[in-house]
């Protein structure tokens, strides 16, 4: 394992989802990174976490964790220098959580003579769909639009992700853009399930980076334009993040009391139950029962 190094960190119980999200998005950002053998050892209310990462990205992940106030356990001088540098950046207030790498999506804009290629590069999938559906459009350009739609969607997802990472205040807008992709009827008709999965995976990971956005999972659970599985998965995410400590997350749970559409969630359950694990089914049942039994008290 000469090309791997082991990372050790200590996190609170509450930060476990945050750490998982950072690792997941780190993999998206750096397609060639390898992260293996992620293990959690419980220590009272904390976890000792360890994993192996490509040596090339070892310092980057240490910086990333430090910027997100995740404690690195190390005695190596080089590691301590990286941690000190990251801390100095935070003191200068020139970084935000989830900073620490270049997340800008670079777009080399083609000449105006190639509008479809430009639209694909910019991730303007809605314009691409308009071209595909316009029978009066140049046939060659329409064909290029059909072929390029998946790439346009991928670029739209990257753009939404990049906007949220570079500006946390844009997170809710980015989440909305990702939901729009996953709920687009034309995209759904093209059977691009992998696009949906990628959009919603990133959407969920962005929401989990800050508990003040957890209520968005309830909104997603109610969104009838999304494939049913994402409604259910959103409710499961919310339950997993908040139900372990109902006192701490009382405001989030009050939001669920008020806005959860239990009737809708129950109505779509049969459509997706075969895709759920036993634990997920139990978690969903816990959510439904608790909200149904207690919402009148709020």
C-alpha atoms as a PDB file:
ATOM      1  CA  UNK A   1       0.000   0.000   0.000  1.00  0.00           C
ATOM      2  CA  UNK A   2       2.814   2.393  -0.847  1.00  0.00           C
ATOM      3  CA  UNK A   3       0.400   4.714  -2.652  1.00  0.00           C
ATOM      4  CA  UNK A   4      -1.956   5.039   0.345  1.00  0.00           C
ATOM      5  CA  UNK A   5      -1.779   6.867   3.663  1.00  0.00           C
ATOM      6  CA  UNK A   6      -4.035   6.424   6.656  1.00  0.00           C
ATOM      7  CA  UNK A   7      -6.077   9.280   8.078  1.00  0.00           C
ATOM      8  CA  UNK A   8      -7.136   9.281  11.726  1.00  0.00           C
ATOM      9  CA  UNK A   9      -9.704  11.728  13.049  1.00  0.00           C
ATOM     10  CA  UNK A  10     -12.040  12.181  15.998  1.00  0.00           C
ATOM     11  CA  UNK A  11     -15.590  13.333  15.391  1.00  0.00           C
ATOM     12  CA  UNK A  12     -18.734  13.794  17.418  1.00  0.00           C
ATOM     13  CA  UNK A  13     -21.742  11.573  16.798  1.00  0.00           C
ATOM     14  CA  UNK A  14     -23.477  14.533  15.137  1.00  0.00           C
ATOM     15  CA  UNK A  15     -20.604  14.979  12.658  1.00  0.00           C
ATOM     16  CA  UNK A  16     -20.674  11.444  11.287  1.00  0.00           C
ATOM     17  CA  UNK A  17     -23.038  12.350   8.433  1.00  0.00           C
ATOM     18  CA  UNK A  18     -21.046  15.502   7.770  1.00  0.00           C
ATOM     19  CA  UNK A  19     -17.831  13.470   7.461  1.00  0.00           C
ATOM     20  CA  UNK A  20     -19.481  10.941   5.153  1.00  0.00           C
ATOM     21  CA  UNK A  21     -20.707  13.791   2.954  1.00  0.00           C
ATOM     22  CA  UNK A  22     -17.253  15.364   2.793  1.00  0.00           C
ATOM     23  CA  UNK A  23     -15.717  12.050   1.740  1.00  0.00           C
ATOM     24  CA  UNK A  24     -18.424  11.484  -0.861  1.00  0.00           C
ATOM     25  CA  UNK A  25     -18.085  14.935  -2.392  1.00  0.00           C
ATOM     26  CA  UNK A  26     -14.288  14.664  -2.203  1.00  0.00           C
ATOM     27  CA  UNK A  27     -14.589  11.598  -4.455  1.00  0.00           C
ATOM     28  CA  UNK A  28     -16.788  13.551  -6.862  1.00  0.00           C
ATOM     29  CA  UNK A  29     -14.351  16.452  -6.938  1.00  0.00           C
ATOM     30  CA  UNK A  30     -11.290  14.255  -7.519  1.00  0.00           C
ATOM     31  CA  UNK A  31     -12.286  11.385  -9.788  1.00  0.00           C
ATOM     32  CA  UNK A  32      -8.952   9.578  -9.394  1.00  0.00           C
ATOM     33  CA  UNK A  33      -8.890   9.568  -5.592  1.00  0.00           C
ATOM     34  CA  UNK A  34      -9.181   6.230  -3.793  1.00  0.00           C
ATOM     35  CA  UNK A  35     -10.607   6.052  -0.272  1.00  0.00           C
ATOM     36  CA  UNK A  36     -10.812   2.626   1.324  1.00  0.00           C
ATOM     37  CA  UNK A  37     -11.509   0.860   4.609  1.00  0.00           C
ATOM     38  CA  UNK A  38     -13.476   3.627   6.317  1.00  0.00           C
ATOM     39  CA  UNK A  39     -13.998   2.490   9.895  1.00  0.00           C
ATOM     40  CA  UNK A  40     -15.719   4.059  12.898  1.00  0.00           C
ATOM     41  CA  UNK A  41     -14.930   3.119  16.507  1.00  0.00           C
ATOM     42  CA  UNK A  42     -17.330   4.513  19.087  1.00  0.00           C
ATOM     43  CA  UNK A  43     -15.839   6.410  22.037  1.00  0.00           C
ATOM     44  CA  UNK A  44     -18.609   7.658  24.359  1.00  0.00           C
ATOM     45  CA  UNK A  45     -20.285  10.430  22.295  1.00  0.00           C
ATOM     46  CA  UNK A  46     -17.440  10.527  19.783  1.00  0.00           C
ATOM     47  CA  UNK A  47     -16.115   8.333  17.014  1.00  0.00           C
ATOM     48  CA  UNK A  48     -12.537   7.518  16.132  1.00  0.00           C
ATOM     49  CA  UNK A  49     -12.551   7.294  12.350  1.00  0.00           C
ATOM     50  CA  UNK A  50      -9.822   5.917  10.136  1.00  0.00           C
ATOM     51  CA  UNK A  51      -9.480   5.302   6.419  1.00  0.00           C
ATOM     52  CA  UNK A  52      -6.865   4.915   3.710  1.00  0.00           C
ATOM     53  CA  UNK A  53      -6.576   7.538   1.005  1.00  0.00           C
ATOM     54  CA  UNK A  54      -4.420   7.975  -2.075  1.00  0.00           C
ATOM     55  CA  UNK A  55      -1.168   9.551  -0.890  1.00  0.00           C
ATOM     56  CA  UNK A  56      -1.569  12.280  -3.517  1.00  0.00           C
ATOM     57  CA  UNK A  57      -4.653  13.586  -1.688  1.00  0.00           C
ATOM     58  CA  UNK A  58      -3.621  12.975   1.912  1.00  0.00           C
ATOM     59  CA  UNK A  59      -2.740  16.614   2.669  1.00  0.00           C
ATOM     60  CA  UNK A  60      -5.847  17.887   0.889  1.00  0.00           C
ATOM     61  CA  UNK A  61      -8.194  15.786   3.018  1.00  0.00           C
ATOM     62  CA  UNK A  62      -6.419  16.897   6.194  1.00  0.00           C
ATOM     63  CA  UNK A  63      -6.870  20.512   5.154  1.00  0.00           C
ATOM     64  CA  UNK A  64     -10.486  19.829   4.257  1.00  0.00           C
ATOM     65  CA  UNK A  65     -11.242  18.241   7.602  1.00  0.00           C
ATOM     66  CA  UNK A  66      -9.550  21.088   9.481  1.00  0.00           C
ATOM     67  CA  UNK A  67     -11.587  23.687   7.600  1.00  0.00           C
ATOM     68  CA  UNK A  68     -14.707  21.801   8.678  1.00  0.00           C
ATOM     69  CA  UNK A  69     -13.506  21.637  12.315  1.00  0.00           C
ATOM     70  CA  UNK A  70     -12.929  17.899  12.269  1.00  0.00           C
ATOM     71  CA  UNK A  71     -10.067  16.966  14.595  1.00  0.00           C
ATOM     72  CA  UNK A  72      -7.144  15.197  12.909  1.00  0.00           C
ATOM     73  CA  UNK A  73      -5.136  12.851  15.125  1.00  0.00           C
ATOM     74  CA  UNK A  74      -1.502  13.011  14.099  1.00  0.00           C
ATOM     75  CA  UNK A  75       1.994  13.702  15.389  1.00  0.00           C
ATOM     76  CA  UNK A  76       3.574  14.202  11.973  1.00  0.00           C
ATOM     77  CA  UNK A  77       5.206  17.594  11.500  1.00  0.00           C
ATOM     78  CA  UNK A  78       4.014  17.930   7.889  1.00  0.00           C
ATOM     79  CA  UNK A  79       0.427  17.213   8.944  1.00  0.00           C
ATOM     80  CA  UNK A  80       0.612  19.772  11.729  1.00  0.00           C
ATOM     81  CA  UNK A  81       1.848  22.374   9.252  1.00  0.00           C
ATOM     82  CA  UNK A  82      -1.154  21.712   6.986  1.00  0.00           C
ATOM     83  CA  UNK A  83      -3.503  21.961   9.988  1.00  0.00           C
ATOM     84  CA  UNK A  84      -1.862  25.208  11.154  1.00  0.00           C
ATOM     85  CA  UNK A  85      -2.178  26.712   7.680  1.00  0.00           C
ATOM     86  CA  UNK A  86      -5.861  25.775   7.464  1.00  0.00           C
ATOM     87  CA  UNK A  87      -6.514  27.230  10.905  1.00  0.00           C
ATOM     88  CA  UNK A  88      -4.800  30.471   9.923  1.00  0.00           C
ATOM     89  CA  UNK A  89      -7.072  30.710   6.894  1.00  0.00           C
ATOM     90  CA  UNK A  90     -10.129  30.317   9.100  1.00  0.00           C
ATOM     91  CA  UNK A  91      -8.873  33.013  11.467  1.00  0.00           C
ATOM     92  CA  UNK A  92      -8.539  35.351   8.513  1.00  0.00           C
ATOM     93  CA  UNK A  93     -12.117  34.419   7.550  1.00  0.00           C
ATOM     94  CA  UNK A  94     -11.114  33.838   3.947  1.00  0.00           C
ATOM     95  CA  UNK A  95     -12.652  30.362   3.769  1.00  0.00           C
ATOM     96  CA  UNK A  96     -15.974  28.642   4.420  1.00  0.00           C
ATOM     97  CA  UNK A  97     -16.881  25.099   5.328  1.00  0.00           C
ATOM     98  CA  UNK A  98     -16.400  22.832   2.327  1.00  0.00           C
ATOM     99  CA  UNK A  99     -13.623  25.027   0.934  1.00  0.00           C
ATOM    100  CA  UNK A 100     -10.127  23.647   0.560  1.00  0.00           C
ATOM    101  CA  UNK A 101      -9.984  22.673  -3.091  1.00  0.00           C
ATOM    102  CA  UNK A 102     -10.689  24.243  -6.434  1.00  0.00           C
ATOM    103  CA  UNK A 103     -14.333  23.572  -7.201  1.00  0.00           C
ATOM    104  CA  UNK A 104     -14.743  25.940 -10.118  1.00  0.00           C
ATOM    105  CA  UNK A 105     -16.137  24.328 -13.240  1.00  0.00           C
ATOM    106  CA  UNK A 106     -13.985  25.574 -16.095  1.00  0.00           C
ATOM    107  CA  UNK A 107     -15.882  26.095 -19.317  1.00  0.00           C
ATOM    108  CA  UNK A 108     -14.016  26.751 -22.537  1.00  0.00           C
ATOM    109  CA  UNK A 109     -16.690  28.550 -24.484  1.00  0.00           C
ATOM    110  CA  UNK A 110     -16.864  27.462 -28.134  1.00  0.00           C
ATOM    111  CA  UNK A 111     -17.388  29.919 -30.939  1.00  0.00           C
ATOM    112  CA  UNK A 112     -20.870  31.244 -31.523  1.00  0.00           C
ATOM    113  CA  UNK A 113     -21.017  29.065 -34.628  1.00  0.00           C
ATOM    114  CA  UNK A 114     -21.452  26.035 -32.395  1.00  0.00           C
ATOM    115  CA  UNK A 115     -24.382  26.967 -30.131  1.00  0.00           C
ATOM    116  CA  UNK A 116     -25.344  23.420 -29.176  1.00  0.00           C
ATOM    117  CA  UNK A 117     -21.806  22.621 -28.045  1.00  0.00           C
ATOM    118  CA  UNK A 118     -21.771  25.821 -26.030  1.00  0.00           C
ATOM    119  CA  UNK A 119     -25.081  25.027 -24.375  1.00  0.00           C
ATOM    120  CA  UNK A 120     -23.816  21.552 -23.477  1.00  0.00           C
ATOM    121  CA  UNK A 121     -20.604  22.982 -22.009  1.00  0.00           C
ATOM    122  CA  UNK A 122     -22.578  25.498 -19.951  1.00  0.00           C
ATOM    123  CA  UNK A 123     -24.985  22.847 -18.697  1.00  0.00           C
ATOM    124  CA  UNK A 124     -28.036  24.592 -20.169  1.00  0.00           C
ATOM    125  CA  UNK A 125     -30.057  21.405 -20.447  1.00  0.00           C
ATOM    126  CA  UNK A 126     -33.388  23.252 -20.673  1.00  0.00           C
ATOM    127  CA  UNK A 127     -32.292  24.940 -23.911  1.00  0.00           C
ATOM    128  CA  UNK A 128     -30.993  21.608 -25.171  1.00  0.00           C
ATOM    129  CA  UNK A 129     -34.422  20.066 -24.536  1.00  0.00           C
ATOM    130  CA  UNK A 130     -36.078  22.932 -26.437  1.00  0.00           C
ATOM    131  CA  UNK A 131     -33.825  22.233 -29.428  1.00  0.00           C
ATOM    132  CA  UNK A 132     -34.571  18.498 -29.303  1.00  0.00           C
ATOM    133  CA  UNK A 133     -38.309  19.211 -29.350  1.00  0.00           C
ATOM    134  CA  UNK A 134     -38.178  21.878 -32.071  1.00  0.00           C
ATOM    135  CA  UNK A 135     -38.988  20.100 -35.362  1.00  0.00           C
ATOM    136  CA  UNK A 136     -38.021  23.230 -37.302  1.00  0.00           C
ATOM    137  CA  UNK A 137     -34.504  23.287 -35.882  1.00  0.00           C
ATOM    138  CA  UNK A 138     -31.529  22.202 -37.978  1.00  0.00           C
ATOM    139  CA  UNK A 139     -31.594  18.360 -38.027  1.00  0.00           C
ATOM    140  CA  UNK A 140     -27.864  18.084 -37.392  1.00  0.00           C
ATOM    141  CA  UNK A 141     -28.056  20.386 -34.397  1.00  0.00           C
ATOM    142  CA  UNK A 142     -31.077  18.527 -33.038  1.00  0.00           C
ATOM    143  CA  UNK A 143     -29.157  15.246 -33.271  1.00  0.00           C
ATOM    144  CA  UNK A 144     -26.167  16.836 -31.541  1.00  0.00           C
ATOM    145  CA  UNK A 145     -28.517  18.058 -28.820  1.00  0.00           C
ATOM    146  CA  UNK A 146     -29.962  14.557 -28.307  1.00  0.00           C
ATOM    147  CA  UNK A 147     -26.505  13.034 -28.036  1.00  0.00           C
ATOM    148  CA  UNK A 148     -25.263  15.844 -25.797  1.00  0.00           C
ATOM    149  CA  UNK A 149     -28.193  15.935 -23.356  1.00  0.00           C
ATOM    150  CA  UNK A 150     -26.546  13.603 -20.763  1.00  0.00           C
ATOM    151  CA  UNK A 151     -23.373  15.698 -20.817  1.00  0.00           C
ATOM    152  CA  UNK A 152     -25.377  18.918 -20.489  1.00  0.00           C
ATOM    153  CA  UNK A 153     -27.115  17.453 -17.448  1.00  0.00           C
ATOM    154  CA  UNK A 154     -23.807  16.357 -15.919  1.00  0.00           C
ATOM    155  CA  UNK A 155     -22.456  19.895 -16.372  1.00  0.00           C
ATOM    156  CA  UNK A 156     -25.627  21.378 -14.852  1.00  0.00           C
ATOM    157  CA  UNK A 157     -25.140  19.162 -11.795  1.00  0.00           C
ATOM    158  CA  UNK A 158     -21.488  20.191 -11.495  1.00  0.00           C
ATOM    159  CA  UNK A 159     -22.437  23.850 -11.802  1.00  0.00           C
ATOM    160  CA  UNK A 160     -25.080  23.594  -9.067  1.00  0.00           C
ATOM    161  CA  UNK A 161     -22.638  21.787  -6.806  1.00  0.00           C
ATOM    162  CA  UNK A 162     -19.887  24.326  -7.469  1.00  0.00           C
ATOM    163  CA  UNK A 163     -22.183  27.274  -6.709  1.00  0.00           C
ATOM    164  CA  UNK A 164     -23.137  25.782  -3.338  1.00  0.00           C
ATOM    165  CA  UNK A 165     -19.564  24.970  -2.377  1.00  0.00           C
ATOM    166  CA  UNK A 166     -18.210  28.390  -3.304  1.00  0.00           C
ATOM    167  CA  UNK A 167     -21.089  30.271  -1.721  1.00  0.00           C
ATOM    168  CA  UNK A 168     -22.943  28.558   1.156  1.00  0.00           C
ATOM    169  CA  UNK A 169     -25.705  31.140   0.858  1.00  0.00           C
ATOM    170  CA  UNK A 170     -26.488  29.650  -2.551  1.00  0.00           C
ATOM    171  CA  UNK A 171     -26.958  26.147  -1.154  1.00  0.00           C
ATOM    172  CA  UNK A 172     -30.751  26.244  -1.119  1.00  0.00           C
ATOM    173  CA  UNK A 173     -30.840  27.525  -4.693  1.00  0.00           C
ATOM    174  CA  UNK A 174     -28.412  24.782  -5.765  1.00  0.00           C
ATOM    175  CA  UNK A 175     -30.586  22.165  -4.072  1.00  0.00           C
ATOM    176  CA  UNK A 176     -33.561  23.529  -6.001  1.00  0.00           C
ATOM    177  CA  UNK A 177     -31.643  23.248  -9.279  1.00  0.00           C
ATOM    178  CA  UNK A 178     -30.696  19.644  -8.563  1.00  0.00           C
ATOM    179  CA  UNK A 179     -34.300  18.793  -7.731  1.00  0.00           C
ATOM    180  CA  UNK A 180     -35.410  20.418 -10.986  1.00  0.00           C
ATOM    181  CA  UNK A 181     -33.089  18.085 -12.884  1.00  0.00           C
ATOM    182  CA  UNK A 182     -34.369  14.986 -11.092  1.00  0.00           C
ATOM    183  CA  UNK A 183     -38.008  16.011 -11.550  1.00  0.00           C
ATOM    184  CA  UNK A 184     -37.808  17.022 -15.207  1.00  0.00           C
ATOM    185  CA  UNK A 185     -40.402  15.040 -17.156  1.00  0.00           C
ATOM    186  CA  UNK A 186     -38.449  14.992 -20.431  1.00  0.00           C
ATOM    187  CA  UNK A 187     -35.282  13.791 -18.718  1.00  0.00           C
ATOM    188  CA  UNK A 188     -37.339  11.090 -17.052  1.00  0.00           C
ATOM    189  CA  UNK A 189     -38.693   9.988 -20.435  1.00  0.00           C
ATOM    190  CA  UNK A 190     -35.108   9.488 -21.673  1.00  0.00           C
ATOM    191  CA  UNK A 191     -34.489   6.863 -18.975  1.00  0.00           C
ATOM    192  CA  UNK A 192     -31.454   8.645 -17.550  1.00  0.00           C
ATOM    193  CA  UNK A 193     -31.737   7.115 -14.082  1.00  0.00           C
ATOM    194  CA  UNK A 194     -28.020   7.534 -13.423  1.00  0.00           C
ATOM    195  CA  UNK A 195     -28.414  11.289 -13.910  1.00  0.00           C
ATOM    196  CA  UNK A 196     -31.253  11.350 -11.381  1.00  0.00           C
ATOM    197  CA  UNK A 197     -29.203   9.350  -8.913  1.00  0.00           C
ATOM    198  CA  UNK A 198     -26.209  11.648  -9.228  1.00  0.00           C
ATOM    199  CA  UNK A 199     -28.296  14.820  -8.908  1.00  0.00           C
ATOM    200  CA  UNK A 200     -30.165  13.619  -5.827  1.00  0.00           C
ATOM    201  CA  UNK A 201     -27.081  12.094  -4.206  1.00  0.00           C
ATOM    202  CA  UNK A 202     -25.281  15.436  -4.396  1.00  0.00           C
ATOM    203  CA  UNK A 203     -28.470  17.241  -3.359  1.00  0.00           C
ATOM    204  CA  UNK A 204     -28.757  15.122  -0.207  1.00  0.00           C
ATOM    205  CA  UNK A 205     -25.070  15.492   0.614  1.00  0.00           C
ATOM    206  CA  UNK A 206     -25.244  19.270   0.337  1.00  0.00           C
ATOM    207  CA  UNK A 207     -28.244  19.422   2.667  1.00  0.00           C
ATOM    208  CA  UNK A 208     -26.463  17.263   5.249  1.00  0.00           C
ATOM    209  CA  UNK A 209     -23.564  19.720   5.508  1.00  0.00           C
ATOM    210  CA  UNK A 210     -25.654  22.096   7.656  1.00  0.00           C
ATOM    211  CA  UNK A 211     -28.456  21.121  10.023  1.00  0.00           C
ATOM    212  CA  UNK A 212     -30.324  24.357   9.396  1.00  0.00           C
ATOM    213  CA  UNK A 213     -31.211  22.924   5.990  1.00  0.00           C
ATOM    214  CA  UNK A 214     -32.489  19.551   7.246  1.00  0.00           C
ATOM    215  CA  UNK A 215     -36.086  20.717   6.769  1.00  0.00           C
ATOM    216  CA  UNK A 216     -35.490  20.611   3.027  1.00  0.00           C
ATOM    217  CA  UNK A 217     -35.707  16.828   3.270  1.00  0.00           C
ATOM    218  CA  UNK A 218     -39.356  17.187   4.309  1.00  0.00           C
ATOM    219  CA  UNK A 219     -40.007  19.410   1.286  1.00  0.00           C
ATOM    220  CA  UNK A 220     -38.385  16.833  -0.983  1.00  0.00           C
ATOM    221  CA  UNK A 221     -40.506  14.118   0.599  1.00  0.00           C
ATOM    222  CA  UNK A 222     -43.613  16.048  -0.461  1.00  0.00           C
ATOM    223  CA  UNK A 223     -42.454  16.767  -4.026  1.00  0.00           C
ATOM    224  CA  UNK A 224     -44.776  14.803  -6.309  1.00  0.00           C
ATOM    225  CA  UNK A 225     -42.716  15.615  -9.411  1.00  0.00           C
ATOM    226  CA  UNK A 226     -39.812  13.481  -8.205  1.00  0.00           C
ATOM    227  CA  UNK A 227     -39.540   9.720  -8.691  1.00  0.00           C
ATOM    228  CA  UNK A 228     -41.145   8.085  -5.632  1.00  0.00           C
ATOM    229  CA  UNK A 229     -37.900   6.577  -4.357  1.00  0.00           C
ATOM    230  CA  UNK A 230     -36.413  10.032  -3.690  1.00  0.00           C
ATOM    231  CA  UNK A 231     -39.460  11.126  -1.695  1.00  0.00           C
ATOM    232  CA  UNK A 232     -38.981   8.136   0.572  1.00  0.00           C
ATOM    233  CA  UNK A 233     -35.192   8.449   0.723  1.00  0.00           C
ATOM    234  CA  UNK A 234     -35.519  12.109   1.745  1.00  0.00           C
ATOM    235  CA  UNK A 235     -37.779  11.191   4.648  1.00  0.00           C
ATOM    236  CA  UNK A 236     -35.332   8.479   5.676  1.00  0.00           C
ATOM    237  CA  UNK A 237     -32.464  10.989   5.618  1.00  0.00           C
ATOM    238  CA  UNK A 238     -34.441  13.404   7.789  1.00  0.00           C
ATOM    239  CA  UNK A 239     -35.351  10.673  10.276  1.00  0.00           C
ATOM    240  CA  UNK A 240     -31.809   9.351  10.479  1.00  0.00           C
ATOM    241  CA  UNK A 241     -30.423  12.839  11.098  1.00  0.00           C
ATOM    242  CA  UNK A 242     -32.945  14.047  13.692  1.00  0.00           C
ATOM    243  CA  UNK A 243     -34.708  11.228  15.517  1.00  0.00           C
ATOM    244  CA  UNK A 244     -31.699  10.027  17.506  1.00  0.00           C
ATOM    245  CA  UNK A 245     -32.009  13.221  19.614  1.00  0.00           C
ATOM    246  CA  UNK A 246     -35.505  14.652  19.353  1.00  0.00           C
ATOM    247  CA  UNK A 247     -34.825  17.351  21.938  1.00  0.00           C
ATOM    248  CA  UNK A 248     -31.877  18.766  20.028  1.00  0.00           C
ATOM    249  CA  UNK A 249     -33.779  18.734  16.760  1.00  0.00           C
ATOM    250  CA  UNK A 250     -37.171  19.735  18.134  1.00  0.00           C
ATOM    251  CA  UNK A 251     -37.539  22.645  15.698  1.00  0.00           C
ATOM    252  CA  UNK A 252     -36.861  20.378  12.728  1.00  0.00           C
ATOM    253  CA  UNK A 253     -39.339  17.822  14.030  1.00  0.00           C
ATOM    254  CA  UNK A 254     -41.941  20.536  14.585  1.00  0.00           C
ATOM    255  CA  UNK A 255     -41.467  21.412  10.921  1.00  0.00           C
ATOM    256  CA  UNK A 256     -42.103  17.756  10.055  1.00  0.00           C
ATOM    257  CA  UNK A 257     -45.240  17.771  12.223  1.00  0.00           C
ATOM    258  CA  UNK A 258     -46.560  20.748  10.339  1.00  0.00           C
ATOM    259  CA  UNK A 259     -45.580  20.032   6.755  1.00  0.00           C
ATOM    260  CA  UNK A 260     -45.113  16.264   6.241  1.00  0.00           C
ATOM    261  CA  UNK A 261     -47.634  14.839   3.779  1.00  0.00           C
ATOM    262  CA  UNK A 262     -48.073  11.459   5.437  1.00  0.00           C
ATOM    263  CA  UNK A 263     -50.923  10.466   3.163  1.00  0.00           C
ATOM    264  CA  UNK A 264     -48.734  10.935   0.108  1.00  0.00           C
ATOM    265  CA  UNK A 265     -45.774   9.085   1.631  1.00  0.00           C
ATOM    266  CA  UNK A 266     -47.992   6.123   2.504  1.00  0.00           C
ATOM    267  CA  UNK A 267     -49.554   6.127  -0.972  1.00  0.00           C
ATOM    268  CA  UNK A 268     -46.199   5.710  -2.744  1.00  0.00           C
ATOM    269  CA  UNK A 269     -44.716   3.204  -0.317  1.00  0.00           C
ATOM    270  CA  UNK A 270     -45.856   0.136  -2.275  1.00  0.00           C
ATOM    271  CA  UNK A 271     -44.106   1.485  -5.372  1.00  0.00           C
ATOM    272  CA  UNK A 272     -40.683   1.495  -3.718  1.00  0.00           C
ATOM    273  CA  UNK A 273     -40.775  -0.965  -0.827  1.00  0.00           C
ATOM    274  CA  UNK A 274     -38.836  -3.600  -2.770  1.00  0.00           C
ATOM    275  CA  UNK A 275     -35.963  -1.131  -3.059  1.00  0.00           C
ATOM    276  CA  UNK A 276     -35.749  -0.549   0.693  1.00  0.00           C
ATOM    277  CA  UNK A 277     -33.789  -2.501   3.259  1.00  0.00           C
ATOM    278  CA  UNK A 278     -35.414  -3.918   6.386  1.00  0.00           C
ATOM    279  CA  UNK A 279     -33.803  -1.156   8.455  1.00  0.00           C
ATOM    280  CA  UNK A 280     -35.071   1.522   6.068  1.00  0.00           C
ATOM    281  CA  UNK A 281     -38.598   0.146   6.276  1.00  0.00           C
ATOM    282  CA  UNK A 282     -38.406   0.236  10.067  1.00  0.00           C
ATOM    283  CA  UNK A 283     -37.039   3.786  10.037  1.00  0.00           C
ATOM    284  CA  UNK A 284     -39.841   4.935   7.760  1.00  0.00           C
ATOM    285  CA  UNK A 285     -42.419   3.269  10.009  1.00  0.00           C
ATOM    286  CA  UNK A 286     -40.898   5.037  13.025  1.00  0.00           C
ATOM    287  CA  UNK A 287     -41.209   8.377  11.250  1.00  0.00           C
ATOM    288  CA  UNK A 288     -44.793   7.833  10.129  1.00  0.00           C
ATOM    289  CA  UNK A 289     -45.958   6.591  13.524  1.00  0.00           C
ATOM    290  CA  UNK A 290     -44.225   9.326  15.512  1.00  0.00           C
ATOM    291  CA  UNK A 291     -45.419  12.191  13.314  1.00  0.00           C
ATOM    292  CA  UNK A 292     -48.949  10.811  13.100  1.00  0.00           C
ATOM    293  CA  UNK A 293     -49.231  10.289  16.860  1.00  0.00           C
ATOM    294  CA  UNK A 294     -47.679  13.575  17.975  1.00  0.00           C
ATOM    295  CA  UNK A 295     -48.374  16.230  15.373  1.00  0.00           C
ATOM    296  CA  UNK A 296     -51.680  17.303  16.989  1.00  0.00           C
ATOM    297  CA  UNK A 297     -49.772  18.219  20.142  1.00  0.00           C
ATOM    298  CA  UNK A 298     -47.749  20.913  18.414  1.00  0.00           C
END
